[in-house]
PDB file of N, CA and C in Angstrom:
ATOM      1  N   MET A   1     169.452  -5.508  59.782  1.00  0.00           N
ATOM      2  CA  MET A   1     168.874  -4.688  58.732  1.00  0.00           C
ATOM      3  C   MET A   1     167.467  -4.286  59.162  1.00  0.00           C
ATOM      4  N   PRO A   2     167.096  -3.075  58.901  1.00  0.00           N
ATOM      5  CA  PRO A   2     165.764  -2.623  59.286  1.00  0.00           C
ATOM      6  C   PRO A   2     164.695  -3.306  58.442  1.00  0.00           C
ATOM      7  N   VAL A   3     163.640  -3.726  59.138  1.00  0.00           N
ATOM      8  CA  VAL A   3     162.539  -4.397  58.451  1.00  0.00           C
ATOM      9  C   VAL A   3     161.542  -3.376  57.936  1.00  0.00           C
ATOM     10  N   SER A   4     161.420  -2.268  58.639  1.00  0.00           N
ATOM     11  CA  SER A   4     160.459  -1.249  58.223  1.00  0.00           C
ATOM     12  C   SER A   4     160.970  -0.512  56.994  1.00  0.00           C
ATOM     13  N   GLY A   5     160.276   0.501  56.572  1.00  0.00           N
ATOM     14  CA  GLY A   5     160.611   1.228  55.361  1.00  0.00           C
ATOM     15  C   GLY A   5     161.769   2.197  55.518  1.00  0.00           C
ATOM     16  N   GLU A   6     162.497   2.157  56.628  1.00  0.00           N
ATOM     17  CA  GLU A   6     163.613   3.072  56.841  1.00  0.00           C
ATOM     18  C   GLU A   6     164.778   2.720  55.914  1.00  0.00           C
ATOM     19  N   ALA A   7     165.545   3.733  55.564  1.00  0.00           N
ATOM     20  CA  ALA A   7     166.736   3.499  54.747  1.00  0.00           C
ATOM     21  C   ALA A   7     167.847   2.944  55.633  1.00  0.00           C
ATOM     22  N   ALA A   8     168.665   2.073  55.073  1.00  0.00           N
ATOM     23  CA  ALA A   8     169.761   1.478  55.828  1.00  0.00           C
ATOM     24  C   ALA A   8     170.859   2.516  56.046  1.00  0.00           C
ATOM     25  N   SER A   9     171.482   2.454  57.202  1.00  0.00           N
ATOM     26  CA  SER A   9     172.571   3.391  57.478  1.00  0.00           C
ATOM     27  C   SER A   9     173.833   2.924  56.752  1.00  0.00           C
ATOM     28  N   TYR A  10     174.803   3.815  56.676  1.00  0.00           N
ATOM     29  CA  TYR A  10     176.061   3.473  56.009  1.00  0.00           C
ATOM     30  C   TYR A  10     176.797   2.361  56.753  1.00  0.00           C
ATOM     31  N   GLY A  11     176.663   2.321  58.052  1.00  0.00           N
ATOM     32  CA  GLY A  11     177.289   1.252  58.832  1.00  0.00           C
ATOM     33  C   GLY A  11     176.717  -0.107  58.475  1.00  0.00           C
ATOM     34  N   ASP A  12     175.384  -0.163  58.349  1.00  0.00           N
ATOM     35  CA  ASP A  12     174.742  -1.420  57.953  1.00  0.00           C
ATOM     36  C   ASP A  12     175.170  -1.832  56.550  1.00  0.00           C
ATOM     37  N   LEU A  13     175.253  -0.882  55.645  1.00  0.00           N
ATOM     38  CA  LEU A  13     175.680  -1.194  54.279  1.00  0.00           C
ATOM     39  C   LEU A  13     177.128  -1.671  54.249  1.00  0.00           C
ATOM     40  N   LEU A  14     177.982  -1.064  55.069  1.00  0.00           N
ATOM     41  CA  LEU A  14     179.383  -1.468  55.131  1.00  0.00           C
ATOM     42  C   LEU A  14     179.519  -2.886  55.671  1.00  0.00           C
ATOM     43  N   VAL A  15     178.813  -3.186  56.737  1.00  0.00           N
ATOM     44  CA  VAL A  15     178.866  -4.533  57.313  1.00  0.00           C
ATOM     45  C   VAL A  15     178.339  -5.555  56.323  1.00  0.00           C
ATOM     46  N   THR A  16     177.241  -5.254  55.664  1.00  0.00           N
ATOM     47  CA  THR A  16     176.681  -6.170  54.672  1.00  0.00           C
ATOM     48  C   THR A  16     177.644  -6.375  53.512  1.00  0.00           C
ATOM     49  N   SER A  17     178.257  -5.300  53.048  1.00  0.00           N
ATOM     50  CA  SER A  17     179.214  -5.411  51.942  1.00  0.00           C
ATOM     51  C   SER A  17     180.418  -6.256  52.336  1.00  0.00           C
ATOM     52  N   LEU A  18     180.936  -6.065  53.545  1.00  0.00           N
ATOM     53  CA  LEU A  18     182.082  -6.850  53.998  1.00  0.00           C
ATOM     54  C   LEU A  18     181.726  -8.322  54.171  1.00  0.00           C
ATOM     55  N   LEU A  19     180.528  -8.602  54.650  1.00  0.00           N
ATOM     56  CA  LEU A  19     180.099  -9.995  54.787  1.00  0.00           C
ATOM     57  C   LEU A  19     179.968 -10.671  53.425  1.00  0.00           C
ATOM     58  N   VAL A  20     179.397  -9.965  52.470  1.00  0.00           N
ATOM     59  CA  VAL A  20     179.254 -10.524  51.124  1.00  0.00           C
ATOM     60  C   VAL A  20     180.625 -10.709  50.480  1.00  0.00           C
ATOM     61  N   LEU A  21     181.525  -9.747  50.663  1.00  0.00           N
ATOM     62  CA  LEU A  21     182.876  -9.872  50.123  1.00  0.00           C
ATOM     63  C   LEU A  21     183.598 -11.071  50.732  1.00  0.00           C
ATOM     64  N   GLY A  22     183.459 -11.256  52.020  1.00  0.00           N
ATOM     65  CA  GLY A  22     184.063 -12.417  52.679  1.00  0.00           C
ATOM     66  C   GLY A  22     183.495 -13.724  52.158  1.00  0.00           C
ATOM     67  N   ALA A  23     182.181 -13.772  51.947  1.00  0.00           N
ATOM     68  CA  ALA A  23     181.559 -14.986  51.419  1.00  0.00           C
ATOM     69  C   ALA A  23     182.037 -15.285  50.005  1.00  0.00           C
ATOM     70  N   VAL A  24     182.183 -14.250  49.189  1.00  0.00           N
ATOM     71  CA  VAL A  24     182.672 -14.446  47.817  1.00  0.00           C
ATOM     72  C   VAL A  24     184.117 -14.927  47.832  1.00  0.00           C
ATOM     73  N   CYS A  25     184.947 -14.366  48.701  1.00  0.00           N
ATOM     74  CA  CYS A  25     186.347 -14.804  48.793  1.00  0.00           C
ATOM     75  C   CYS A  25     186.444 -16.252  49.251  1.00  0.00           C
ATOM     76  N   ILE A  26     185.651 -16.639  50.218  1.00  0.00           N
ATOM     77  CA  ILE A  26     185.653 -18.027  50.685  1.00  0.00           C
ATOM     78  C   ILE A  26     185.166 -18.961  49.591  1.00  0.00           C
ATOM     79  N   ALA A  27     184.117 -18.574  48.872  1.00  0.00           N
ATOM     80  CA  ALA A  27     183.612 -19.409  47.778  1.00  0.00           C
ATOM     81  C   ALA A  27     184.649 -19.554  46.672  1.00  0.00           C
ATOM     82  N   ALA A  28     185.365 -18.481  46.353  1.00  0.00           N
ATOM     83  CA  ALA A  28     186.408 -18.557  45.323  1.00  0.00           C
ATOM     84  C   ALA A  28     187.547 -19.451  45.786  1.00  0.00           C
ATOM     85  N   PHE A  29     187.939 -19.361  47.040  1.00  0.00           N
ATOM     86  CA  PHE A  29     189.006 -20.209  47.572  1.00  0.00           C
ATOM     87  C   PHE A  29     188.610 -21.676  47.511  1.00  0.00           C
ATOM     88  N   VAL A  30     187.387 -21.979  47.921  1.00  0.00           N
ATOM     89  CA  VAL A  30     186.916 -23.367  47.888  1.00  0.00           C
ATOM     90  C   VAL A  30     186.849 -23.870  46.454  1.00  0.00           C
ATOM     91  N   ALA A  31     186.386 -23.039  45.540  1.00  0.00           N
ATOM     92  CA  ALA A  31     186.287 -23.456  44.139  1.00  0.00           C
ATOM     93  C   ALA A  31     187.659 -23.740  43.557  1.00  0.00           C
ATOM     94  N   VAL A  32     188.629 -22.888  43.837  1.00  0.00           N
ATOM     95  CA  VAL A  32     189.972 -23.102  43.290  1.00  0.00           C
ATOM     96  C   VAL A  32     190.637 -24.298  43.964  1.00  0.00           C
ATOM     97  N   ARG A  33     190.464 -24.418  45.256  1.00  0.00           N
ATOM     98  CA  ARG A  33     191.158 -25.466  46.013  1.00  0.00           C
ATOM     99  C   ARG A  33     190.612 -26.856  45.725  1.00  0.00           C
ATOM    100  N   PHE A  34     189.296 -27.013  45.736  1.00  0.00           N
ATOM    101  CA  PHE A  34     188.715 -28.342  45.634  1.00  0.00           C
ATOM    102  C   PHE A  34     188.215 -28.674  44.239  1.00  0.00           C
ATOM    103  N   LEU A  35     187.559 -27.737  43.580  1.00  0.00           N
ATOM    104  CA  LEU A  35     187.053 -28.013  42.239  1.00  0.00           C
ATOM    105  C   LEU A  35     188.165 -27.993  41.206  1.00  0.00           C
ATOM    106  N   GLY A  36     189.259 -27.313  41.493  1.00  0.00           N
ATOM    107  CA  GLY A  36     190.386 -27.278  40.570  1.00  0.00           C
ATOM    108  C   GLY A  36     190.993 -28.647  40.346  1.00  0.00           C
ATOM    109  N   ARG A  37     190.913 -29.508  41.337  1.00  0.00           N
ATOM    110  CA  ARG A  37     191.430 -30.870  41.193  1.00  0.00           C
ATOM    111  C   ARG A  37     190.642 -31.649  40.154  1.00  0.00           C
ATOM    112  N   PHE A  38     189.344 -31.423  40.105  1.00  0.00           N
ATOM    113  CA  PHE A  38     188.509 -32.151  39.152  1.00  0.00           C
ATOM    114  C   PHE A  38     188.645 -31.587  37.744  1.00  0.00           C
ATOM    115  N   LEU A  39     188.993 -30.321  37.636  1.00  0.00           N
ATOM    116  CA  LEU A  39     189.110 -29.686  36.333  1.00  0.00           C
ATOM    117  C   LEU A  39     190.533 -29.718  35.792  1.00  0.00           C
ATOM    118  N   ALA A  40     191.428 -30.392  36.496  1.00  0.00           N
ATOM    119  CA  ALA A  40     192.826 -30.455  36.066  1.00  0.00           C
ATOM    120  C   ALA A  40     192.928 -31.211  34.748  1.00  0.00           C
ATOM    121  N   THR A  41     194.048 -31.025  34.075  1.00  0.00           N
ATOM    122  CA  THR A  41     194.232 -31.634  32.758  1.00  0.00           C
ATOM    123  C   THR A  41     194.596 -33.106  32.841  1.00  0.00           C
ATOM    124  N   GLY A  42     194.652 -33.663  34.012  1.00  0.00           N
ATOM    125  CA  GLY A  42     194.974 -35.072  34.151  1.00  0.00           C
ATOM    126  C   GLY A  42     196.447 -35.333  34.397  1.00  0.00           C
ATOM    127  N   ARG A  43     197.250 -34.307  34.463  1.00  0.00           N
ATOM    128  CA  ARG A  43     198.671 -34.492  34.748  1.00  0.00           C
ATOM    129  C   ARG A  43     198.839 -34.860  36.215  1.00  0.00           C
ATOM    130  N   SER A  44     199.836 -35.655  36.475  1.00  0.00           N
ATOM    131  CA  SER A  44     200.088 -36.034  37.854  1.00  0.00           C
ATOM    132  C   SER A  44     200.574 -34.823  38.641  1.00  0.00           C
ATOM    133  N   ARG A  45     200.398 -34.878  39.919  1.00  0.00           N
ATOM    134  CA  ARG A  45     200.763 -33.745  40.762  1.00  0.00           C
ATOM    135  C   ARG A  45     202.275 -33.552  40.731  1.00  0.00           C
ATOM    136  N   GLY A  46     202.710 -32.338  40.509  1.00  0.00           N
ATOM    137  CA  GLY A  46     204.124 -32.027  40.466  1.00  0.00           C
ATOM    138  C   GLY A  46     204.745 -32.218  39.101  1.00  0.00           C
ATOM    139  N   ALA A  47     203.953 -32.567  38.109  1.00  0.00           N
ATOM    140  CA  ALA A  47     204.501 -32.748  36.766  1.00  0.00           C
ATOM    141  C   ALA A  47     204.883 -31.391  36.192  1.00  0.00           C
ATOM    142  N   HIS A  48     205.885 -31.386  35.358  1.00  0.00           N
ATOM    143  CA  HIS A  48     206.346 -30.136  34.755  1.00  0.00           C
ATOM    144  C   HIS A  48     205.406 -29.736  33.622  1.00  0.00           C
ATOM    145  N   LEU A  49     204.983 -28.496  33.649  1.00  0.00           N
ATOM    146  CA  LEU A  49     204.114 -27.993  32.595  1.00  0.00           C
ATOM    147  C   LEU A  49     204.915 -27.536  31.392  1.00  0.00           C
ATOM    148  N   LEU A  50     206.169 -27.146  31.627  1.00  0.00           N
ATOM    149  CA  LEU A  50     207.030 -26.664  30.551  1.00  0.00           C
ATOM    150  C   LEU A  50     208.328 -27.455  30.556  1.00  0.00           C
ATOM    151  N   ASP A  51     208.836 -27.725  29.382  1.00  0.00           N
ATOM    152  CA  ASP A  51     210.137 -28.367  29.244  1.00  0.00           C
ATOM    153  C   ASP A  51     211.068 -27.403  28.531  1.00  0.00           C
ATOM    154  N   VAL A  52     212.255 -27.204  29.085  1.00  0.00           N
ATOM    155  CA  VAL A  52     213.251 -26.336  28.467  1.00  0.00           C
ATOM    156  C   VAL A  52     214.018 -27.167  27.447  1.00  0.00           C
ATOM    157  N   VAL A  53     213.940 -26.749  26.188  1.00  0.00           N
ATOM    158  CA  VAL A  53     214.626 -27.455  25.108  1.00  0.00           C
ATOM    159  C   VAL A  53     216.021 -26.890  24.917  1.00  0.00           C
ATOM    160  N   ALA A  54     216.142 -25.561  24.977  1.00  0.00           N
ATOM    161  CA  ALA A  54     217.441 -24.925  24.780  1.00  0.00           C
ATOM    162  C   ALA A  54     217.493 -23.625  25.570  1.00  0.00           C
ATOM    163  N   ARG A  55     218.716 -23.205  25.900  1.00  0.00           N
ATOM    164  CA  ARG A  55     218.942 -21.957  26.629  1.00  0.00           C
ATOM    165  C   ARG A  55     220.007 -21.168  25.890  1.00  0.00           C
ATOM    166  N   LEU A  56     219.697 -19.910  25.588  1.00  0.00           N
ATOM    167  CA  LEU A  56     220.627 -19.042  24.870  1.00  0.00           C
ATOM    168  C   LEU A  56     220.948 -17.838  25.751  1.00  0.00           C
ATOM    169  N   PRO A  57     222.181 -17.722  26.266  1.00  0.00           N
ATOM    170  CA  PRO A  57     222.529 -16.561  27.092  1.00  0.00           C
ATOM    171  C   PRO A  57     222.632 -15.296  26.248  1.00  0.00           C
ATOM    172  N   LEU A  58     221.889 -14.276  26.636  1.00  0.00           N
ATOM    173  CA  LEU A  58     221.909 -12.994  25.930  1.00  0.00           C
ATOM    174  C   LEU A  58     222.908 -12.042  26.566  1.00  0.00           C
ATOM    175  N   GLU A  59     222.883 -11.963  27.865  1.00  0.00           N
ATOM    176  CA  GLU A  59     223.769 -11.128  28.664  1.00  0.00           C
ATOM    177  C   GLU A  59     224.114 -11.934  29.912  1.00  0.00           C
ATOM    178  N   PRO A  60     224.997 -11.418  30.752  1.00  0.00           N
ATOM    179  CA  PRO A  60     225.331 -12.189  31.961  1.00  0.00           C
ATOM    180  C   PRO A  60     224.123 -12.500  32.854  1.00  0.00           C
ATOM    181  N   ARG A  61     223.133 -11.624  32.870  1.00  0.00           N
ATOM    182  CA  ARG A  61     221.985 -11.846  33.747  1.00  0.00           C
ATOM    183  C   ARG A  61     220.703 -12.143  32.985  1.00  0.00           C
ATOM    184  N   ARG A  62     220.769 -12.343  31.684  1.00  0.00           N
ATOM    185  CA  ARG A  62     219.572 -12.593  30.881  1.00  0.00           C
ATOM    186  C   ARG A  62     219.792 -13.781  29.968  1.00  0.00           C
ATOM    187  N   SER A  63     218.754 -14.574  29.835  1.00  0.00           N
ATOM    188  CA  SER A  63     218.821 -15.738  28.955  1.00  0.00           C
ATOM    189  C   SER A  63     217.497 -15.889  28.238  1.00  0.00           C
ATOM    190  N   LEU A  64     217.560 -16.549  27.096  1.00  0.00           N
ATOM    191  CA  LEU A  64     216.365 -16.859  26.321  1.00  0.00           C
ATOM    192  C   LEU A  64     216.163 -18.362  26.391  1.00  0.00           C
ATOM    193  N   TYR A  65     215.008 -18.763  26.894  1.00  0.00           N
ATOM    194  CA  TYR A  65     214.698 -20.187  27.031  1.00  0.00           C
ATOM    195  C   TYR A  65     213.716 -20.589  25.947  1.00  0.00           C
ATOM    196  N   VAL A  66     213.990 -21.711  25.292  1.00  0.00           N
ATOM    197  CA  VAL A  66     213.097 -22.243  24.253  1.00  0.00           C
ATOM    198  C   VAL A  66     212.577 -23.577  24.739  1.00  0.00           C
TER     199      VAL A  66
END
């Protein structure tokens, strides 16, 4: 990046934008991957979040799950 009072070129702005975008993506990945474990609801890993109580077939390829 130019230190003097010159305006930055579009190439410099593009590189800076891509670097910042990459840093944000990496930070989001780390937050979801590692911090998500601490913010979990306490369920054991692989536990079912939903339980199917009943299944009602509507058509041959469609069903309603309760």
